[in-house]
Each structure stands twice: as C-alpha cells, then as structure tokens.
Amino acid sequence: MLDEEKQRREFMRWVLLRGLYNAEPVGAWEEVLLSIILALYVDATKNEVRRALDYLGERGLVHLTKRPDGRWFGKLARTGTDLVEYAVDCEPGIARPVNLG
C-alpha cells in the first residue's frame, strides 16, 4: 500500500508539472490543476494537490501564489520548464517518464 501511495504522489507531481507547462506562459489556478488530477485519480482532493504543489514549490520548480481568499495559483519556474523539457536530470520524488527521444 505504501508503495502505491508513493507512486501516486510522484506521478501526481509529474502531471502537475506537465499541466503547468501546458498552461504557459500564464499559469493555472488550483481548480484547473485539480481537474487534471481528477481525470487520473477520481478520489484526489484539493489538499493532495496543494501538498504536491508545495513540494514542487520547495524544490524551485513552481512559483506559487497563495492568495488571501484561499485560492492558489501556480506557474512553472525556469527549472520546472527545464525538467519537463528533459533538459536537466530529474532527482527522486517526481515520476518523470524516461525520454525515448
């Protein structure tokens, strides 16, 4: 069970990075990102997405704006773009697929 949770967390982080990459150059609100995750994990929660975004923010991959009204907004950082574009190595914690190209 723990291994499945770890896989879910790490894959969710990758999907959020891809979602923000596709939302460039504007970025995306957490509701949009949650809808992407819900397409993969029907039981996903806003808090789960926020934990993943916090993790990505702490790693310097995402810029987060946490508004006073409670909404979060994410935008990919330069290092996040490099990671999604396979320009840099991916450290553990994100389930980035192997680049076959």
N, C-alpha and C. Protein backbone atom coordinates (compact mmCIF):
# COMPACT_ATOMS: atom_id res chain seq x y z
N MET A 1 0.82 -1.19 0.00
CA MET A 1 0.00 0.00 0.00
C MET A 1 0.87 1.26 0.00
N LEU A 2 1.89 1.30 0.81
CA LEU A 2 2.76 2.47 0.89
C LEU A 2 3.42 2.76 -0.45
N ASP A 3 3.84 1.71 -1.16
CA ASP A 3 4.47 1.88 -2.45
C ASP A 3 3.50 2.50 -3.46
N GLU A 4 2.24 2.09 -3.41
CA GLU A 4 1.23 2.66 -4.30
C GLU A 4 1.00 4.13 -4.00
N GLU A 5 1.00 4.50 -2.73
CA GLU A 5 0.84 5.90 -2.34
C GLU A 5 2.01 6.74 -2.84
N LYS A 6 3.21 6.19 -2.72
CA LYS A 6 4.41 6.89 -3.19
C LYS A 6 4.35 7.08 -4.70
N GLN A 7 3.97 6.04 -5.42
CA GLN A 7 3.86 6.14 -6.87
C GLN A 7 2.82 7.19 -7.27
N ARG A 8 1.72 7.20 -6.56
CA ARG A 8 0.66 8.17 -6.84
C ARG A 8 1.16 9.60 -6.62
N ARG A 9 1.80 9.84 -5.49
CA ARG A 9 2.34 11.18 -5.17
C ARG A 9 3.32 11.64 -6.24
N GLU A 10 4.25 10.76 -6.59
CA GLU A 10 5.31 11.13 -7.53
C GLU A 10 4.77 11.34 -8.94
N PHE A 11 3.79 10.51 -9.35
CA PHE A 11 3.20 10.68 -10.67
C PHE A 11 2.34 11.94 -10.69
N MET A 12 1.64 12.22 -9.59
CA MET A 12 0.83 13.43 -9.50
C MET A 12 1.72 14.67 -9.67
N ARG A 13 2.89 14.66 -9.08
CA ARG A 13 3.81 15.79 -9.22
C ARG A 13 4.19 15.99 -10.68
N TRP A 14 4.46 14.89 -11.38
CA TRP A 14 4.81 14.98 -12.80
C TRP A 14 3.64 15.54 -13.61
N VAL A 15 2.44 15.06 -13.35
CA VAL A 15 1.26 15.52 -14.08
C VAL A 15 1.02 17.01 -13.82
N LEU A 16 1.22 17.46 -12.60
CA LEU A 16 1.06 18.88 -12.31
C LEU A 16 2.10 19.72 -13.05
N LEU A 17 3.31 19.23 -13.11
CA LEU A 17 4.34 19.95 -13.88
C LEU A 17 3.93 20.04 -15.35
N ARG A 18 3.44 18.94 -15.91
CA ARG A 18 3.00 18.94 -17.32
C ARG A 18 1.81 19.87 -17.51
N GLY A 19 0.89 19.87 -16.56
CA GLY A 19 -0.26 20.77 -16.64
C GLY A 19 0.16 22.22 -16.64
N LEU A 20 1.09 22.58 -15.78
CA LEU A 20 1.59 23.94 -15.73
C LEU A 20 2.40 24.29 -16.98
N TYR A 21 3.10 23.32 -17.51
CA TYR A 21 3.85 23.53 -18.76
C TYR A 21 2.88 23.86 -19.89
N ASN A 22 1.78 23.15 -19.95
CA ASN A 22 0.78 23.40 -20.99
C ASN A 22 0.02 24.70 -20.77
N ALA A 23 0.05 25.22 -19.55
CA ALA A 23 -0.63 26.48 -19.23
C ALA A 23 0.28 27.70 -19.44
N GLU A 24 1.51 27.47 -19.86
CA GLU A 24 2.43 28.58 -20.07
C GLU A 24 1.96 29.45 -21.21
N PRO A 25 2.20 30.74 -21.19
CA PRO A 25 3.01 31.47 -20.22
C PRO A 25 2.21 32.03 -19.05
N VAL A 26 0.94 31.67 -18.96
CA VAL A 26 0.06 32.28 -17.97
C VAL A 26 0.15 31.62 -16.61
N GLY A 27 0.09 30.29 -16.56
CA GLY A 27 -0.01 29.55 -15.30
C GLY A 27 -1.42 29.05 -15.13
N ALA A 28 -1.74 28.51 -13.96
CA ALA A 28 -3.07 27.93 -13.75
C ALA A 28 -3.49 28.00 -12.29
N TRP A 29 -4.80 28.15 -12.09
CA TRP A 29 -5.39 28.09 -10.76
C TRP A 29 -5.45 26.65 -10.29
N GLU A 30 -5.48 26.46 -9.00
CA GLU A 30 -5.51 25.11 -8.43
C GLU A 30 -6.74 24.32 -8.88
N GLU A 31 -7.85 24.99 -9.16
CA GLU A 31 -9.05 24.28 -9.60
C GLU A 31 -8.83 23.60 -10.95
N VAL A 32 -8.10 24.26 -11.83
CA VAL A 32 -7.77 23.67 -13.14
C VAL A 32 -6.84 22.48 -12.95
N LEU A 33 -5.85 22.64 -12.10
CA LEU A 33 -4.90 21.56 -11.85
C LEU A 33 -5.59 20.37 -11.18
N LEU A 34 -6.50 20.66 -10.27
CA LEU A 34 -7.26 19.58 -9.62
C LEU A 34 -8.08 18.82 -10.65
N SER A 35 -8.68 19.52 -11.61
CA SER A 35 -9.49 18.83 -12.62
C SER A 35 -8.63 17.89 -13.47
N ILE A 36 -7.38 18.27 -13.71
CA ILE A 36 -6.47 17.39 -14.44
C ILE A 36 -6.20 16.13 -13.63
N ILE A 37 -5.91 16.31 -12.35
CA ILE A 37 -5.61 15.18 -11.47
C ILE A 37 -6.84 14.29 -11.30
N LEU A 38 -8.01 14.89 -11.20
CA LEU A 38 -9.25 14.09 -11.05
C LEU A 38 -9.51 13.20 -12.25
N ALA A 39 -9.01 13.57 -13.41
CA ALA A 39 -9.15 12.72 -14.59
C ALA A 39 -8.35 11.43 -14.43
N LEU A 40 -7.33 11.46 -13.59
CA LEU A 40 -6.49 10.27 -13.35
C LEU A 40 -6.84 9.56 -12.06
N TYR A 41 -7.13 10.34 -11.04
CA TYR A 41 -7.44 9.80 -9.71
C TYR A 41 -8.76 10.41 -9.25
N VAL A 42 -9.83 9.68 -9.40
CA VAL A 42 -11.17 10.22 -9.10
C VAL A 42 -11.35 10.57 -7.63
N ASP A 43 -10.51 10.03 -6.77
CA ASP A 43 -10.62 10.30 -5.34
C ASP A 43 -9.63 11.37 -4.87
N ALA A 44 -8.97 12.06 -5.79
CA ALA A 44 -7.99 13.08 -5.42
C ALA A 44 -8.69 14.25 -4.73
N THR A 45 -7.96 14.92 -3.87
CA THR A 45 -8.51 16.06 -3.13
C THR A 45 -7.69 17.32 -3.40
N LYS A 46 -8.29 18.46 -3.10
CA LYS A 46 -7.59 19.73 -3.24
C LYS A 46 -6.37 19.76 -2.33
N ASN A 47 -6.49 19.22 -1.13
CA ASN A 47 -5.34 19.21 -0.22
C ASN A 47 -4.20 18.37 -0.76
N GLU A 48 -4.52 17.28 -1.41
CA GLU A 48 -3.49 16.43 -2.01
C GLU A 48 -2.75 17.20 -3.12
N VAL A 49 -3.49 17.93 -3.93
CA VAL A 49 -2.88 18.74 -4.98
C VAL A 49 -2.04 19.85 -4.37
N ARG A 50 -2.53 20.46 -3.30
CA ARG A 50 -1.77 21.51 -2.63
C ARG A 50 -0.46 20.98 -2.05
N ARG A 51 -0.50 19.79 -1.46
CA ARG A 51 0.73 19.20 -0.93
C ARG A 51 1.75 18.99 -2.05
N ALA A 52 1.27 18.50 -3.20
CA ALA A 52 2.16 18.28 -4.33
C ALA A 52 2.71 19.61 -4.85
N LEU A 53 1.87 20.62 -4.93
CA LEU A 53 2.33 21.94 -5.38
C LEU A 53 3.34 22.54 -4.40
N ASP A 54 3.08 22.39 -3.11
CA ASP A 54 4.04 22.86 -2.11
C ASP A 54 5.40 22.19 -2.29
N TYR A 55 5.36 20.88 -2.50
CA TYR A 55 6.60 20.12 -2.72
C TYR A 55 7.34 20.68 -3.93
N LEU A 56 6.63 20.88 -5.03
CA LEU A 56 7.26 21.39 -6.25
C LEU A 56 7.77 22.81 -6.03
N GLY A 57 7.04 23.59 -5.26
CA GLY A 57 7.49 24.94 -4.95
C GLY A 57 8.76 24.95 -4.12
N GLU A 58 8.83 24.07 -3.13
CA GLU A 58 10.03 23.99 -2.28
C GLU A 58 11.25 23.54 -3.07
N ARG A 59 11.03 22.78 -4.13
CA ARG A 59 12.14 22.35 -4.99
C ARG A 59 12.50 23.40 -6.03
N GLY A 60 11.78 24.50 -6.06
CA GLY A 60 12.09 25.58 -7.00
C GLY A 60 11.60 25.31 -8.42
N LEU A 61 10.67 24.38 -8.57
CA LEU A 61 10.17 24.03 -9.90
C LEU A 61 8.93 24.82 -10.28
N VAL A 62 8.22 25.34 -9.26
CA VAL A 62 6.97 26.04 -9.46
C VAL A 62 6.96 27.30 -8.59
N HIS A 63 6.41 28.37 -9.13
CA HIS A 63 6.15 29.58 -8.36
C HIS A 63 4.69 29.53 -7.92
N LEU A 64 4.45 29.63 -6.64
CA LEU A 64 3.09 29.58 -6.11
C LEU A 64 2.68 30.93 -5.55
N THR A 65 1.43 31.29 -5.83
CA THR A 65 0.83 32.46 -5.21
C THR A 65 -0.34 31.95 -4.40
N LYS A 66 -0.27 32.17 -3.09
CA LYS A 66 -1.35 31.75 -2.18
C LYS A 66 -2.10 33.00 -1.77
N ARG A 67 -3.25 33.19 -2.38
CA ARG A 67 -4.00 34.43 -2.18
C ARG A 67 -4.71 34.45 -0.82
N PRO A 68 -4.95 35.64 -0.31
CA PRO A 68 -5.66 35.78 0.98
C PRO A 68 -7.06 35.16 0.97
N ASP A 69 -7.68 35.08 -0.20
CA ASP A 69 -9.02 34.48 -0.28
C ASP A 69 -8.97 32.96 -0.27
N GLY A 70 -7.77 32.38 -0.20
CA GLY A 70 -7.64 30.94 -0.09
C GLY A 70 -7.30 30.22 -1.38
N ARG A 71 -7.36 30.90 -2.51
CA ARG A 71 -7.05 30.26 -3.80
C ARG A 71 -5.55 30.26 -4.05
N TRP A 72 -5.09 29.21 -4.73
CA TRP A 72 -3.69 29.08 -5.10
C TRP A 72 -3.55 29.20 -6.61
N PHE A 73 -2.44 29.81 -7.03
CA PHE A 73 -2.12 29.94 -8.44
C PHE A 73 -0.70 29.46 -8.65
N GLY A 74 -0.48 28.64 -9.67
CA GLY A 74 0.85 28.11 -9.94
C GLY A 74 1.35 28.50 -11.31
N LYS A 75 2.64 28.69 -11.39
CA LYS A 75 3.30 28.99 -12.65
C LYS A 75 4.63 28.25 -12.63
N LEU A 76 4.96 27.66 -13.75
CA LEU A 76 6.19 26.90 -13.85
C LEU A 76 7.40 27.82 -13.76
N ALA A 77 8.38 27.45 -12.95
CA ALA A 77 9.64 28.17 -12.86
C ALA A 77 10.56 27.69 -13.99
N ARG A 78 11.62 28.41 -14.21
CA ARG A 78 12.57 28.04 -15.27
C ARG A 78 13.08 26.61 -15.08
N THR A 79 13.40 26.26 -13.84
CA THR A 79 13.90 24.90 -13.59
C THR A 79 12.82 23.86 -13.83
N GLY A 80 11.56 24.22 -13.60
CA GLY A 80 10.45 23.32 -13.89
C GLY A 80 10.31 23.09 -15.38
N THR A 81 10.47 24.16 -16.15
CA THR A 81 10.42 24.05 -17.61
C THR A 81 11.54 23.14 -18.10
N ASP A 82 12.75 23.37 -17.58
CA ASP A 82 13.88 22.53 -17.97
C ASP A 82 13.62 21.06 -17.65
N LEU A 83 13.01 20.80 -16.50
CA LEU A 83 12.72 19.42 -16.12
C LEU A 83 11.71 18.78 -17.07
N VAL A 84 10.64 19.50 -17.38
CA VAL A 84 9.61 18.97 -18.28
C VAL A 84 10.17 18.76 -19.68
N GLU A 85 11.07 19.61 -20.11
CA GLU A 85 11.66 19.51 -21.44
C GLU A 85 12.85 18.56 -21.50
N TYR A 86 13.13 17.86 -20.41
CA TYR A 86 14.21 16.89 -20.33
C TYR A 86 15.58 17.53 -20.56
N ALA A 87 15.71 18.81 -20.20
CA ALA A 87 16.99 19.50 -20.35
C ALA A 87 17.89 19.29 -19.14
N VAL A 88 17.30 18.84 -18.02
CA VAL A 88 18.07 18.57 -16.80
C VAL A 88 17.65 17.20 -16.26
N ASP A 89 18.51 16.64 -15.42
CA ASP A 89 18.19 15.37 -14.78
C ASP A 89 17.06 15.56 -13.78
N CYS A 90 16.33 14.49 -13.56
CA CYS A 90 15.23 14.51 -12.60
C CYS A 90 15.65 13.77 -11.34
N GLU A 91 15.67 14.51 -10.24
CA GLU A 91 16.01 13.90 -8.96
C GLU A 91 14.83 13.06 -8.47
N PRO A 92 15.05 12.16 -7.52
CA PRO A 92 13.95 11.36 -6.97
C PRO A 92 12.83 12.23 -6.43
N GLY A 93 11.62 11.70 -6.46
CA GLY A 93 10.46 12.40 -5.92
C GLY A 93 9.45 12.79 -6.97
N ILE A 94 9.86 12.69 -8.23
CA ILE A 94 8.96 13.01 -9.35
C ILE A 94 9.05 11.85 -10.34
N ALA A 95 7.90 11.33 -10.72
CA ALA A 95 7.86 10.16 -11.62
C ALA A 95 7.87 10.60 -13.07
N ARG A 96 8.98 11.22 -13.49
CA ARG A 96 9.10 11.62 -14.88
C ARG A 96 9.41 10.39 -15.71
N PRO A 97 8.65 10.17 -16.79
CA PRO A 97 8.93 9.01 -17.66
C PRO A 97 10.31 9.14 -18.31
N VAL A 98 10.86 8.03 -18.72
CA VAL A 98 12.13 8.03 -19.42
C VAL A 98 11.94 8.66 -20.80
N ASN A 99 12.84 9.52 -21.19
CA ASN A 99 12.77 10.18 -22.50
C ASN A 99 13.29 9.21 -23.56
N LEU A 100 12.43 8.83 -24.46
CA LEU A 100 12.81 7.89 -25.52
C LEU A 100 13.25 8.62 -26.79
N GLY A 101 13.18 9.94 -26.78
CA GLY A 101 13.52 10.72 -27.99
C GLY A 101 14.87 11.17 -27.94
